[in-house]
Amino acid sequence: MSYNLSVTIDQSSGFCFGVVYAIEMAEDILESAGYLYCLGDIVHNDEEVLRLKQKGLIIINHDDLQNLRNEKVLIRAHGEAPSTYELALQNNLTLIDASCPVVLKLQNRIKNSHDEDESILIFGKHGHAEVIGLQGQTGGKAIVFQDLAELDNRELPQKFTLYSQTTKSTEKFYHIKEQLLSRGYEVKANDTICRQVSNRYDELEAFVQKYDKVVFVSGKKSSNGKVLFDVCKKHNPESFFVSTIEEIDKAWFRVNDKVGICGATSTPMWLMKQVKEELERY
């Protein structure tokens, strides 16, 4: 059966400048050296990581870093804690620092823009690379939470500064601020959310309403992917999340459907094009 789908890719979707910068740096070195170590997945998209591994990218973790000597190591866009830079000095490692400028600015703020005894709360995903780097700027003292409910039974200082992981929802950040103020805390809120991510909300809202069906392409590990997919689903309930073309289900579509394809800031354009080609085969 032929579906005759009309398929359009959202041109605002795809890599943010931080990811583009990191991948371009990696590709330049891979071209000349043939291999490069990268501390953690360069981007939260398995398909893109696989493409770069085939070019010679070697993904390592912090344990591997302890045993590495005299090599080049890429620091991805999420940034790192100060301890990583100290270890690099000890092990004679050359760090290719592709930390996103927005993340670096936030790290700087957390490290330098308050008194030593000031308490810090970070709204972010537990265990996320960016959040680990941010907490590292406070010597591990910052309180990290990804949901307000986590703070319900926790004894908090009366006064603190609230920060956010750069890819969180702006709306949720301000809701959390208001809730904490209403509980009687003295909250200084530092909105550190990346506008390239938050601006996508309005763009996606407008985009998804034009289509019968929406296919949202993202890695399952992507934080902003989850946030942006929620935006799609809210404004077009016929939105479907896929990480690869194998996850597309023909049963989602009807004859002559208009289909929109969009993705996270960690989704490569080549993958969205693959999805488009697959749908056009129907």
C-alpha atoms as a PDB file:
ATOM      1  CA  MET A   1       0.000   0.000   0.000  1.00  0.00           C
ATOM      2  CA  SER A   2       1.321   3.449  -0.947  1.00  0.00           C
ATOM      3  CA  TYR A   3       0.889   6.194   1.636  1.00  0.00           C
ATOM      4  CA  ASN A   4       1.985   9.191  -0.501  1.00  0.00           C
ATOM      5  CA  LEU A   5       3.317  11.042   2.521  1.00  0.00           C
ATOM      6  CA  SER A   6       4.355  14.667   2.192  1.00  0.00           C
ATOM      7  CA  VAL A   7       7.456  15.019   4.408  1.00  0.00           C
ATOM      8  CA  THR A   8       9.164  18.217   5.630  1.00  0.00           C
ATOM      9  CA  ILE A   9      12.217  18.631   7.886  1.00  0.00           C
ATOM     10  CA  ASP A  10      12.231  21.487  10.385  1.00  0.00           C
ATOM     11  CA  GLN A  11      15.267  23.547   9.328  1.00  0.00           C
ATOM     12  CA  SER A  12      15.660  24.982  12.838  1.00  0.00           C
ATOM     13  CA  SER A  13      16.230  21.506  14.272  1.00  0.00           C
ATOM     14  CA  GLY A  14      19.582  19.826  14.596  1.00  0.00           C
ATOM     15  CA  PHE A  15      22.889  20.530  16.270  1.00  0.00           C
ATOM     16  CA  CYS A  16      23.292  23.634  18.417  1.00  0.00           C
ATOM     17  CA  PHE A  17      26.501  25.646  17.922  1.00  0.00           C
ATOM     18  CA  GLY A  18      28.159  23.970  20.953  1.00  0.00           C
ATOM     19  CA  VAL A  19      27.788  20.519  19.422  1.00  0.00           C
ATOM     20  CA  VAL A  20      28.806  21.708  15.937  1.00  0.00           C
ATOM     21  CA  TYR A  21      31.975  23.210  17.461  1.00  0.00           C
ATOM     22  CA  ALA A  22      32.885  19.983  19.318  1.00  0.00           C
ATOM     23  CA  ILE A  23      32.281  17.733  16.308  1.00  0.00           C
ATOM     24  CA  GLU A  24      34.225  19.990  13.923  1.00  0.00           C
ATOM     25  CA  MET A  25      37.185  19.980  16.337  1.00  0.00           C
ATOM     26  CA  ALA A  26      37.039  16.175  16.587  1.00  0.00           C
ATOM     27  CA  GLU A  27      36.804  15.690  12.821  1.00  0.00           C
ATOM     28  CA  ASP A  28      39.781  18.002  12.162  1.00  0.00           C
ATOM     29  CA  ILE A  29      42.010  15.999  14.528  1.00  0.00           C
ATOM     30  CA  LEU A  30      40.706  12.632  13.298  1.00  0.00           C
ATOM     31  CA  GLU A  31      41.553  13.659   9.739  1.00  0.00           C
ATOM     32  CA  SER A  32      45.167  14.426  10.588  1.00  0.00           C
ATOM     33  CA  ALA A  33      45.909  11.988  13.448  1.00  0.00           C
ATOM     34  CA  GLY A  34      43.588   9.074  12.625  1.00  0.00           C
ATOM     35  CA  TYR A  35      42.379   8.725  16.215  1.00  0.00           C
ATOM     36  CA  LEU A  36      41.310  10.843  19.176  1.00  0.00           C
ATOM     37  CA  TYR A  37      40.213  10.097  22.729  1.00  0.00           C
ATOM     38  CA  CYS A  38      36.962  11.700  23.883  1.00  0.00           C
ATOM     39  CA  LEU A  39      35.900  11.856  27.517  1.00  0.00           C
ATOM     40  CA  GLY A  40      32.313  10.545  27.409  1.00  0.00           C
ATOM     41  CA  ASP A  41      29.973  10.477  24.399  1.00  0.00           C
ATOM     42  CA  ILE A  42      30.750  13.542  22.268  1.00  0.00           C
ATOM     43  CA  VAL A  43      27.001  14.056  21.810  1.00  0.00           C
ATOM     44  CA  HIS A  44      23.956  12.290  23.261  1.00  0.00           C
ATOM     45  CA  ASN A  45      23.137  10.596  19.991  1.00  0.00           C
ATOM     46  CA  ASP A  46      24.264   6.995  19.468  1.00  0.00           C
ATOM     47  CA  GLU A  47      24.095   7.187  15.668  1.00  0.00           C
ATOM     48  CA  GLU A  48      26.407  10.217  15.496  1.00  0.00           C
ATOM     49  CA  VAL A  49      28.789   8.673  18.062  1.00  0.00           C
ATOM     50  CA  LEU A  50      28.966   5.517  15.924  1.00  0.00           C
ATOM     51  CA  ARG A  51      29.758   7.589  12.793  1.00  0.00           C
ATOM     52  CA  LEU A  52      32.671   9.290  14.574  1.00  0.00           C
ATOM     53  CA  LYS A  53      33.912   6.030  16.125  1.00  0.00           C
ATOM     54  CA  GLN A  54      34.222   4.682  12.588  1.00  0.00           C
ATOM     55  CA  LYS A  55      36.520   7.643  11.856  1.00  0.00           C
ATOM     56  CA  GLY A  56      38.727   6.795  14.863  1.00  0.00           C
ATOM     57  CA  LEU A  57      37.079   8.467  17.868  1.00  0.00           C
ATOM     58  CA  ILE A  58      37.742   6.482  21.071  1.00  0.00           C
ATOM     59  CA  ILE A  59      35.221   7.096  23.858  1.00  0.00           C
ATOM     60  CA  ILE A  60      36.710   6.808  27.344  1.00  0.00           C
ATOM     61  CA  ASN A  61      35.391   7.355  30.868  1.00  0.00           C
ATOM     62  CA  HIS A  62      36.997   8.978  33.915  1.00  0.00           C
ATOM     63  CA  ASP A  63      38.493   5.661  35.070  1.00  0.00           C
ATOM     64  CA  ASP A  64      40.201   5.237  31.696  1.00  0.00           C
ATOM     65  CA  LEU A  65      41.510   8.806  31.967  1.00  0.00           C
ATOM     66  CA  GLN A  66      43.386   7.911  35.185  1.00  0.00           C
ATOM     67  CA  ASN A  67      45.510   5.421  33.222  1.00  0.00           C
ATOM     68  CA  LEU A  68      46.056   7.489  30.086  1.00  0.00           C
ATOM     69  CA  ARG A  69      49.400   9.264  29.528  1.00  0.00           C
ATOM     70  CA  ASN A  70      50.821  11.623  26.883  1.00  0.00           C
ATOM     71  CA  GLU A  71      47.706  11.693  24.691  1.00  0.00           C
ATOM     72  CA  LYS A  72      45.201  14.193  23.325  1.00  0.00           C
ATOM     73  CA  VAL A  73      41.738  14.061  24.902  1.00  0.00           C
ATOM     74  CA  LEU A  74      38.657  15.958  23.741  1.00  0.00           C
ATOM     75  CA  ILE A  75      36.478  17.611  26.379  1.00  0.00           C
ATOM     76  CA  ARG A  76      32.971  17.623  24.899  1.00  0.00           C
ATOM     77  CA  ALA A  77      30.456  20.485  24.921  1.00  0.00           C
ATOM     78  CA  HIS A  78      29.054  19.528  28.361  1.00  0.00           C
ATOM     79  CA  GLY A  79      32.229  20.727  30.105  1.00  0.00           C
ATOM     80  CA  GLU A  80      34.196  19.136  32.948  1.00  0.00           C
ATOM     81  CA  ALA A  81      34.930  19.589  36.645  1.00  0.00           C
ATOM     82  CA  PRO A  82      38.265  21.167  37.773  1.00  0.00           C
ATOM     83  CA  SER A  83      39.526  17.712  38.875  1.00  0.00           C
ATOM     84  CA  THR A  84      39.657  16.604  35.208  1.00  0.00           C
ATOM     85  CA  TYR A  85      42.021  19.466  34.321  1.00  0.00           C
ATOM     86  CA  GLU A  86      44.203  18.674  37.350  1.00  0.00           C
ATOM     87  CA  LEU A  87      44.445  15.015  36.310  1.00  0.00           C
ATOM     88  CA  ALA A  88      45.354  16.044  32.752  1.00  0.00           C
ATOM     89  CA  LEU A  89      48.325  18.030  34.106  1.00  0.00           C
ATOM     90  CA  GLN A  90      49.484  15.074  36.195  1.00  0.00           C
ATOM     91  CA  ASN A  91      49.216  12.619  33.284  1.00  0.00           C
ATOM     92  CA  ASN A  92      50.698  14.960  30.656  1.00  0.00           C
ATOM     93  CA  LEU A  93      47.467  14.945  28.653  1.00  0.00           C
ATOM     94  CA  THR A  94      46.687  17.607  26.072  1.00  0.00           C
ATOM     95  CA  LEU A  95      43.053  18.614  26.476  1.00  0.00           C
ATOM     96  CA  ILE A  96      41.204  19.699  23.350  1.00  0.00           C
ATOM     97  CA  ASP A  97      38.583  21.771  25.128  1.00  0.00           C
ATOM     98  CA  ALA A  98      35.314  21.891  23.194  1.00  0.00           C
ATOM     99  CA  SER A  99      33.240  22.962  26.223  1.00  0.00           C
ATOM    100  CA  CYS A 100      30.242  24.979  25.073  1.00  0.00           C
ATOM    101  CA  PRO A 101      30.713  28.732  25.760  1.00  0.00           C
ATOM    102  CA  VAL A 102      27.276  28.830  27.446  1.00  0.00           C
ATOM    103  CA  VAL A 103      28.323  26.014  29.815  1.00  0.00           C
ATOM    104  CA  LEU A 104      31.700  27.673  30.517  1.00  0.00           C
ATOM    105  CA  LYS A 105      29.954  30.942  31.370  1.00  0.00           C
ATOM    106  CA  LEU A 106      27.685  29.074  33.794  1.00  0.00           C
ATOM    107  CA  GLN A 107      30.642  27.241  35.373  1.00  0.00           C
ATOM    108  CA  ASN A 108      32.355  30.595  35.868  1.00  0.00           C
ATOM    109  CA  ARG A 109      29.283  32.095  37.506  1.00  0.00           C
ATOM    110  CA  ILE A 110      28.910  29.185  39.899  1.00  0.00           C
ATOM    111  CA  LYS A 111      32.595  29.303  40.798  1.00  0.00           C
ATOM    112  CA  ASN A 112      33.175  33.049  41.099  1.00  0.00           C
ATOM    113  CA  SER A 113      29.999  35.077  41.512  1.00  0.00           C
ATOM    114  CA  HIS A 114      29.144  34.446  45.158  1.00  0.00           C
ATOM    115  CA  ASP A 115      30.572  34.141  48.674  1.00  0.00           C
ATOM    116  CA  GLU A 116      32.261  30.942  49.761  1.00  0.00           C
ATOM    117  CA  ASP A 117      29.573  30.166  52.328  1.00  0.00           C
ATOM    118  CA  GLU A 118      26.690  30.764  49.882  1.00  0.00           C
ATOM    119  CA  SER A 119      24.526  27.689  49.313  1.00  0.00           C
ATOM    120  CA  ILE A 120      23.865  26.611  45.733  1.00  0.00           C
ATOM    121  CA  LEU A 121      21.013  24.583  44.279  1.00  0.00           C
ATOM    122  CA  ILE A 122      21.256  23.215  40.740  1.00  0.00           C
ATOM    123  CA  PHE A 123      18.132  22.178  38.844  1.00  0.00           C
ATOM    124  CA  GLY A 124      19.497  19.420  36.627  1.00  0.00           C
ATOM    125  CA  LYS A 125      19.594  15.741  35.783  1.00  0.00           C
ATOM    126  CA  HIS A 126      21.447  13.541  38.278  1.00  0.00           C
ATOM    127  CA  GLY A 127      24.583  12.040  36.741  1.00  0.00           C
ATOM    128  CA  HIS A 128      24.446  14.235  33.613  1.00  0.00           C
ATOM    129  CA  ALA A 129      27.917  15.234  32.391  1.00  0.00           C
ATOM    130  CA  GLU A 130      27.143  18.965  32.481  1.00  0.00           C
ATOM    131  CA  VAL A 131      25.712  18.746  35.999  1.00  0.00           C
ATOM    132  CA  ILE A 132      28.735  16.788  37.281  1.00  0.00           C
ATOM    133  CA  GLY A 133      30.950  19.545  35.848  1.00  0.00           C
ATOM    134  CA  LEU A 134      28.842  22.257  37.502  1.00  0.00           C
ATOM    135  CA  GLN A 135      28.815  20.533  40.870  1.00  0.00           C
ATOM    136  CA  GLY A 136      32.588  20.153  40.558  1.00  0.00           C
ATOM    137  CA  GLN A 137      32.904  23.953  40.521  1.00  0.00           C
ATOM    138  CA  THR A 138      31.511  23.955  44.080  1.00  0.00           C
ATOM    139  CA  GLY A 139      33.757  21.152  45.335  1.00  0.00           C
ATOM    140  CA  GLY A 140      30.718  18.866  45.307  1.00  0.00           C
ATOM    141  CA  LYS A 141      28.809  21.032  47.807  1.00  0.00           C
ATOM    142  CA  ALA A 142      25.937  22.120  45.531  1.00  0.00           C
ATOM    143  CA  ILE A 143      22.567  20.406  46.001  1.00  0.00           C
ATOM    144  CA  VAL A 144      21.395  18.874  42.705  1.00  0.00           C
ATOM    145  CA  PHE A 145      17.724  18.037  42.124  1.00  0.00           C
ATOM    146  CA  GLN A 146      15.774  17.199  38.993  1.00  0.00           C
ATOM    147  CA  ASP A 147      12.308  17.491  40.512  1.00  0.00           C
ATOM    148  CA  LEU A 148      10.876  19.765  43.187  1.00  0.00           C
ATOM    149  CA  ALA A 149       9.522  16.732  45.091  1.00  0.00           C
ATOM    150  CA  GLU A 150      13.130  15.733  45.875  1.00  0.00           C
ATOM    151  CA  LEU A 151      13.419  18.824  48.094  1.00  0.00           C
ATOM    152  CA  ASP A 152      10.205  18.167  50.062  1.00  0.00           C
ATOM    153  CA  ASN A 153      11.842  16.232  52.893  1.00  0.00           C
ATOM    154  CA  ARG A 154      15.250  17.836  52.633  1.00  0.00           C
ATOM    155  CA  GLU A 155      16.537  20.423  55.050  1.00  0.00           C
ATOM    156  CA  LEU A 156      17.532  23.415  52.941  1.00  0.00           C
ATOM    157  CA  PRO A 157      19.393  26.565  53.987  1.00  0.00           C
ATOM    158  CA  GLN A 158      17.132  29.591  54.420  1.00  0.00           C
ATOM    159  CA  LYS A 159      18.978  31.507  51.678  1.00  0.00           C
ATOM    160  CA  PHE A 160      20.503  30.137  48.455  1.00  0.00           C
ATOM    161  CA  THR A 161      21.215  30.767  44.780  1.00  0.00           C
ATOM    162  CA  LEU A 162      19.321  28.674  42.239  1.00  0.00           C
ATOM    163  CA  TYR A 163      21.000  27.687  38.959  1.00  0.00           C
ATOM    164  CA  SER A 164      19.901  25.418  36.126  1.00  0.00           C
ATOM    165  CA  GLN A 165      21.465  22.967  33.717  1.00  0.00           C
ATOM    166  CA  THR A 166      21.574  24.854  30.397  1.00  0.00           C
ATOM    167  CA  THR A 167      19.135  22.532  28.576  1.00  0.00           C
ATOM    168  CA  LYS A 168      16.288  22.545  31.115  1.00  0.00           C
ATOM    169  CA  SER A 169      12.829  24.043  30.549  1.00  0.00           C
ATOM    170  CA  THR A 170      12.700  27.793  31.268  1.00  0.00           C
ATOM    171  CA  GLU A 171       9.054  27.492  32.290  1.00  0.00           C
ATOM    172  CA  LYS A 172       9.871  24.754  34.815  1.00  0.00           C
ATOM    173  CA  PHE A 173      12.856  26.721  36.181  1.00  0.00           C
ATOM    174  CA  TYR A 174      10.686  29.763  36.974  1.00  0.00           C
ATOM    175  CA  HIS A 175       7.931  27.554  38.383  1.00  0.00           C
ATOM    176  CA  ILE A 176      10.509  26.002  40.767  1.00  0.00           C
ATOM    177  CA  LYS A 177      11.733  29.474  41.752  1.00  0.00           C
ATOM    178  CA  GLU A 178       8.171  30.620  42.584  1.00  0.00           C
ATOM    179  CA  GLN A 179       7.442  27.446  44.545  1.00  0.00           C
ATOM    180  CA  LEU A 180      10.607  27.835  46.642  1.00  0.00           C
ATOM    181  CA  LEU A 181       9.816  31.517  47.301  1.00  0.00           C
ATOM    182  CA  SER A 182       6.281  30.556  48.380  1.00  0.00           C
ATOM    183  CA  ARG A 183       7.816  28.123  50.896  1.00  0.00           C
ATOM    184  CA  GLY A 184       9.517  31.071  52.553  1.00  0.00           C
ATOM    185  CA  TYR A 185      13.063  30.644  51.239  1.00  0.00           C
ATOM    186  CA  GLU A 186      15.199  33.575  50.148  1.00  0.00           C
ATOM    187  CA  VAL A 187      15.992  32.607  46.554  1.00  0.00           C
ATOM    188  CA  LYS A 188      18.368  34.361  44.176  1.00  0.00           C
ATOM    189  CA  ALA A 189      17.607  32.782  40.793  1.00  0.00           C
ATOM    190  CA  ASN A 190      20.219  32.784  38.048  1.00  0.00           C
ATOM    191  CA  ASP A 191      18.549  31.854  34.758  1.00  0.00           C
ATOM    192  CA  THR A 192      21.369  30.058  32.936  1.00  0.00           C
ATOM    193  CA  ILE A 193      19.278  28.209  30.364  1.00  0.00           C
ATOM    194  CA  CYS A 194      20.671  28.256  26.823  1.00  0.00           C
ATOM    195  CA  ARG A 195      18.468  30.435  24.634  1.00  0.00           C
ATOM    196  CA  GLN A 196      19.284  28.326  21.575  1.00  0.00           C
ATOM    197  CA  VAL A 197      17.426  25.515  23.356  1.00  0.00           C
ATOM    198  CA  SER A 198      14.646  27.590  24.955  1.00  0.00           C
ATOM    199  CA  ASN A 199      13.909  29.480  21.700  1.00  0.00           C
ATOM    200  CA  ARG A 200      13.208  26.109  20.133  1.00  0.00           C
ATOM    201  CA  TYR A 201      10.011  25.772  22.205  1.00  0.00           C
ATOM    202  CA  ASP A 202       8.155  28.490  20.286  1.00  0.00           C
ATOM    203  CA  GLU A 203       9.628  27.370  16.950  1.00  0.00           C
ATOM    204  CA  LEU A 204       8.573  23.756  17.565  1.00  0.00           C
ATOM    205  CA  GLU A 205       5.133  24.765  18.783  1.00  0.00           C
ATOM    206  CA  ALA A 206       4.541  26.601  15.481  1.00  0.00           C
ATOM    207  CA  PHE A 207       6.135  23.830  13.377  1.00  0.00           C
ATOM    208  CA  VAL A 208       4.267  20.791  14.741  1.00  0.00           C
ATOM    209  CA  GLN A 209       0.830  22.372  14.372  1.00  0.00           C
ATOM    210  CA  LYS A 210       1.242  22.444  10.573  1.00  0.00           C
ATOM    211  CA  TYR A 211       1.332  18.628  10.264  1.00  0.00           C
ATOM    212  CA  ASP A 212      -0.942  15.610  10.656  1.00  0.00           C
ATOM    213  CA  LYS A 213       1.913  13.624  12.191  1.00  0.00           C
ATOM    214  CA  VAL A 214       5.283  14.562  13.647  1.00  0.00           C
ATOM    215  CA  VAL A 215       8.366  12.348  13.907  1.00  0.00           C
ATOM    216  CA  PHE A 216      10.775  13.642  16.542  1.00  0.00           C
ATOM    217  CA  VAL A 217      14.302  12.268  16.125  1.00  0.00           C
ATOM    218  CA  SER A 218      16.583  12.177  19.155  1.00  0.00           C
ATOM    219  CA  GLY A 219      18.989  10.058  21.153  1.00  0.00           C
ATOM    220  CA  LYS A 220      17.379   8.489  24.220  1.00  0.00           C
ATOM    221  CA  LYS A 221      20.111   9.975  26.472  1.00  0.00           C
ATOM    222  CA  SER A 222      19.449  13.540  25.345  1.00  0.00           C
ATOM    223  CA  SER A 223      18.033  15.774  28.101  1.00  0.00           C
ATOM    224  CA  ASN A 224      16.878  18.494  25.738  1.00  0.00           C
ATOM    225  CA  GLY A 225      15.422  15.771  23.491  1.00  0.00           C
ATOM    226  CA  LYS A 226      13.012  14.769  26.260  1.00  0.00           C
ATOM    227  CA  VAL A 227      12.070  18.401  26.936  1.00  0.00           C
ATOM    228  CA  LEU A 228      11.556  19.254  23.247  1.00  0.00           C
ATOM    229  CA  PHE A 229       9.579  16.087  22.543  1.00  0.00           C
ATOM    230  CA  ASP A 230       7.204  17.068  25.368  1.00  0.00           C
ATOM    231  CA  VAL A 231       6.665  20.387  23.546  1.00  0.00           C
ATOM    232  CA  CYS A 232       5.811  18.499  20.330  1.00  0.00           C
ATOM    233  CA  LYS A 233       3.438  16.130  22.107  1.00  0.00           C
ATOM    234  CA  LYS A 234       1.680  19.001  23.888  1.00  0.00           C
ATOM    235  CA  HIS A 235       0.940  20.877  20.657  1.00  0.00           C
ATOM    236  CA  ASN A 236       0.469  17.853  18.397  1.00  0.00           C
ATOM    237  CA  PRO A 237      -0.574  14.623  20.178  1.00  0.00           C
ATOM    238  CA  GLU A 238       0.269  12.706  16.983  1.00  0.00           C
ATOM    239  CA  SER A 239       4.011  13.106  17.668  1.00  0.00           C
ATOM    240  CA  PHE A 240       6.292  10.059  17.751  1.00  0.00           C
ATOM    241  CA  PHE A 241       9.789   9.716  19.251  1.00  0.00           C
ATOM    242  CA  VAL A 242      12.421   7.716  17.316  1.00  0.00           C
ATOM    243  CA  SER A 243      16.178   7.316  17.632  1.00  0.00           C
ATOM    244  CA  THR A 244      16.732   5.345  14.402  1.00  0.00           C
ATOM    245  CA  ILE A 245      14.786   4.618  11.205  1.00  0.00           C
ATOM    246  CA  GLU A 246      14.218   1.064  12.495  1.00  0.00           C
ATOM    247  CA  GLU A 247      11.911   2.485  15.194  1.00  0.00           C
ATOM    248  CA  ILE A 248       9.474   4.036  12.693  1.00  0.00           C
ATOM    249  CA  ASP A 249       6.114   2.237  12.582  1.00  0.00           C
ATOM    250  CA  LYS A 250       4.118   2.377   9.336  1.00  0.00           C
ATOM    251  CA  ALA A 251       0.918   2.037  11.365  1.00  0.00           C
ATOM    252  CA  TRP A 252       1.357   5.621  12.606  1.00  0.00           C
ATOM    253  CA  PHE A 253       0.525   7.023   9.162  1.00  0.00           C
ATOM    254  CA  ARG A 254      -2.484   7.369   6.874  1.00  0.00           C
ATOM    255  CA  VAL A 255      -2.676   7.973   3.139  1.00  0.00           C
ATOM    256  CA  ASN A 256      -1.674  11.543   2.142  1.00  0.00           C
ATOM    257  CA  ASP A 257      -0.560  12.511   5.667  1.00  0.00           C
ATOM    258  CA  LYS A 258       1.518  15.658   5.966  1.00  0.00           C
ATOM    259  CA  VAL A 259       4.473  14.676   8.164  1.00  0.00           C
ATOM    260  CA  GLY A 260       6.903  17.009   9.926  1.00  0.00           C
ATOM    261  CA  ILE A 261      10.348  15.839  11.079  1.00  0.00           C
ATOM    262  CA  CYS A 262      12.177  17.641  13.864  1.00  0.00           C
ATOM    263  CA  GLY A 263      14.805  16.860  16.477  1.00  0.00           C
ATOM    264  CA  ALA A 264      16.903  17.788  19.479  1.00  0.00           C
ATOM    265  CA  THR A 265      19.960  20.056  19.554  1.00  0.00           C
ATOM    266  CA  SER A 266      21.983  16.826  19.640  1.00  0.00           C
ATOM    267  CA  THR A 267      20.327  15.330  16.542  1.00  0.00           C
ATOM    268  CA  PRO A 268      22.407  15.317  13.331  1.00  0.00           C
ATOM    269  CA  MET A 269      20.721  16.636  10.187  1.00  0.00           C
ATOM    270  CA  TRP A 270      21.899  13.544   8.240  1.00  0.00           C
ATOM    271  CA  LEU A 271      19.798  11.350  10.548  1.00  0.00           C
ATOM    272  CA  MET A 272      16.678  13.478  10.027  1.00  0.00           C
ATOM    273  CA  LYS A 273      17.291  13.226   6.260  1.00  0.00           C
ATOM    274  CA  GLN A 274      17.498   9.424   6.612  1.00  0.00           C
ATOM    275  CA  VAL A 275      14.122   9.445   8.357  1.00  0.00           C
ATOM    276  CA  LYS A 276      12.674  11.620   5.566  1.00  0.00           C
ATOM    277  CA  GLU A 277      13.954   9.216   2.867  1.00  0.00           C
ATOM    278  CA  GLU A 278      12.506   6.248   4.770  1.00  0.00           C
ATOM    279  CA  LEU A 279       9.069   7.911   5.038  1.00  0.00           C
ATOM    280  CA  GLU A 280       9.117   8.876   1.349  1.00  0.00           C
ATOM    281  CA  ARG A 281       9.577   5.202   0.453  1.00  0.00           C
ATOM    282  CA  TYR A 282       6.086   4.613   1.834  1.00  0.00           C
END
